[in-house]
Protein backbone atom coordinates (compact mmCIF):
# COMPACT_ATOMS: atom_id res chain seq x y z
CA UNK A 1 0.00 0.00 0.00
CA UNK A 2 1.29 3.47 -0.88
CA UNK A 3 0.53 6.32 1.53
CA UNK A 4 1.26 9.97 0.94
CA UNK A 5 1.72 12.14 4.00
CA UNK A 6 1.61 15.87 3.41
CA UNK A 7 2.28 17.36 6.83
CA UNK A 8 2.06 21.16 6.59
CA UNK A 9 5.26 22.16 8.36
CA UNK A 10 5.55 25.56 6.70
CA UNK A 11 2.06 26.78 7.64
CA UNK A 12 2.76 26.00 11.31
CA UNK A 13 6.04 27.90 11.16
CA UNK A 14 4.05 30.82 9.74
CA UNK A 15 1.49 30.62 12.54
CA UNK A 16 4.22 30.61 15.18
CA UNK A 17 6.00 33.52 13.52
CA UNK A 18 2.81 35.57 13.44
CA UNK A 19 2.33 34.80 17.12
CA UNK A 20 5.80 36.05 17.98
CA UNK A 21 5.30 39.19 15.90
CA UNK A 22 1.91 39.95 17.39
CA UNK A 23 3.28 39.52 20.90
CA UNK A 24 4.62 43.06 20.74
CA UNK A 25 1.09 44.35 20.11
CA UNK A 26 0.14 43.48 23.68
CA UNK A 27 2.65 46.07 24.92
CA UNK A 28 1.03 48.93 23.03
CA UNK A 29 -0.90 51.53 25.00
CA UNK A 30 -4.58 52.49 25.06
CA UNK A 31 -6.93 51.32 22.30
CA UNK A 32 -4.22 50.97 19.65
CA UNK A 33 -3.90 47.14 19.89
CA UNK A 34 -7.66 46.65 19.66
CA UNK A 35 -7.91 48.91 16.60
CA UNK A 36 -4.95 47.21 14.91
CA UNK A 37 -6.19 43.68 15.56
CA UNK A 38 -9.70 44.57 14.40
CA UNK A 39 -8.33 45.94 11.11
CA UNK A 40 -6.07 42.92 10.70
CA UNK A 41 -8.98 40.56 11.32
CA UNK A 42 -11.20 42.37 8.83
CA UNK A 43 -8.44 42.31 6.21
CA UNK A 44 -7.95 38.56 6.68
CA UNK A 45 -11.69 37.93 6.42
CA UNK A 46 -11.78 39.96 3.21
CA UNK A 47 -8.87 37.94 1.84
CA UNK A 48 -10.73 34.72 2.66
CA UNK A 49 -13.90 35.93 0.96
CA UNK A 50 -11.86 36.83 -2.14
CA UNK A 51 -10.01 33.17 -2.02
CA UNK A 52 -13.63 31.69 -1.72
CA UNK A 53 -14.96 33.84 -4.61
CA UNK A 54 -12.12 32.63 -6.81
CA UNK A 55 -12.35 28.87 -6.16
CA UNK A 56 -15.73 28.37 -4.48
CA UNK A 57 -16.03 25.29 -2.30
CA UNK A 58 -12.50 23.95 -1.84
CA UNK A 59 -12.39 20.31 -0.74
CA UNK A 60 -9.15 19.93 -2.71
CA UNK A 61 -7.30 21.95 -0.06
CA UNK A 62 -7.61 19.03 2.36
CA UNK A 63 -5.75 16.55 0.14
CA UNK A 64 -2.17 16.32 -1.05
CA UNK A 65 -1.42 18.29 -4.22
CA UNK A 66 -0.91 16.38 -7.44
CA UNK A 67 2.83 17.09 -7.25
CA UNK A 68 2.89 14.97 -4.07
CA UNK A 69 0.83 12.10 -5.44
CA UNK A 70 -2.69 13.48 -4.92
CA UNK A 71 -5.39 13.12 -7.56
CA UNK A 72 -5.08 15.93 -10.09
CA UNK A 73 -8.69 15.68 -11.29
CA UNK A 74 -9.99 17.14 -8.00
CA UNK A 75 -8.15 20.45 -8.49
CA UNK A 76 -9.78 23.21 -10.55
CA UNK A 77 -8.22 24.13 -13.87
CA UNK A 78 -7.46 27.67 -12.66
CA UNK A 79 -5.76 26.51 -9.45
CA UNK A 80 -2.55 28.36 -8.65
CA UNK A 81 -1.02 31.33 -10.41
CA UNK A 82 0.51 31.74 -13.86
CA UNK A 83 4.29 31.59 -14.08
CA UNK A 84 4.55 35.32 -14.79
CA UNK A 85 2.79 36.12 -11.51
CA UNK A 86 5.09 33.75 -9.63
CA UNK A 87 8.16 35.45 -11.11
CA UNK A 88 6.74 38.91 -10.31
CA UNK A 89 6.14 37.93 -6.66
CA UNK A 90 9.62 36.43 -6.51
CA UNK A 91 11.21 39.64 -7.81
CA UNK A 92 9.20 41.79 -5.39
CA UNK A 93 10.23 39.52 -2.49
CA UNK A 94 13.88 39.83 -3.53
CA UNK A 95 13.64 43.61 -3.72
CA UNK A 96 11.97 43.80 -0.31
CA UNK A 97 14.41 41.42 1.39
CA UNK A 98 17.60 42.80 -0.14
CA UNK A 99 17.95 45.80 2.23
CA UNK A 100 17.49 43.56 5.28
CA UNK A 101 20.07 41.08 3.98
CA UNK A 102 22.51 43.87 3.20
CA UNK A 103 22.06 45.32 6.70
CA UNK A 104 22.64 41.90 8.26
CA UNK A 105 25.75 41.26 6.15
CA UNK A 106 27.20 44.59 7.25
CA UNK A 107 26.32 43.80 10.87
CA UNK A 108 28.21 40.50 10.65
CA UNK A 109 31.23 42.36 9.20
CA UNK A 110 31.20 44.93 12.04
CA UNK A 111 30.57 42.58 14.95
CA UNK A 112 32.02 39.18 15.70
CA UNK A 113 29.66 37.91 18.39
CA UNK A 114 29.60 34.13 18.59
CA UNK A 115 25.84 33.90 18.13
CA UNK A 116 26.07 35.69 14.77
CA UNK A 117 28.09 32.79 13.35
CA UNK A 118 25.03 30.57 13.66
CA UNK A 119 22.86 32.80 11.49
């Protein structure tokens, strides 16, 4: 028997990272955290409504993708993004991350702390 296990490691890393990032929100003063979290929640709900409008009912999200051995006939024909969109997102991500990488490279050149060698 052939079993395919598609454990979503990356989504859980994302959830933990969001938790760490939102931990600083609890230190904000007055009604600022409540306003921020309300706007964030509404934006995420809007994003979900837009994902649902695009694909409708999505039972295919609960199975392994066809690239991991799942049945390809259950996925809609417009599933995913065209290659041009993927390249555009990749280029934008590179442009956004480049300043942070440059800053970190310069930090490692200036300082020689032992913990920096692990990153």
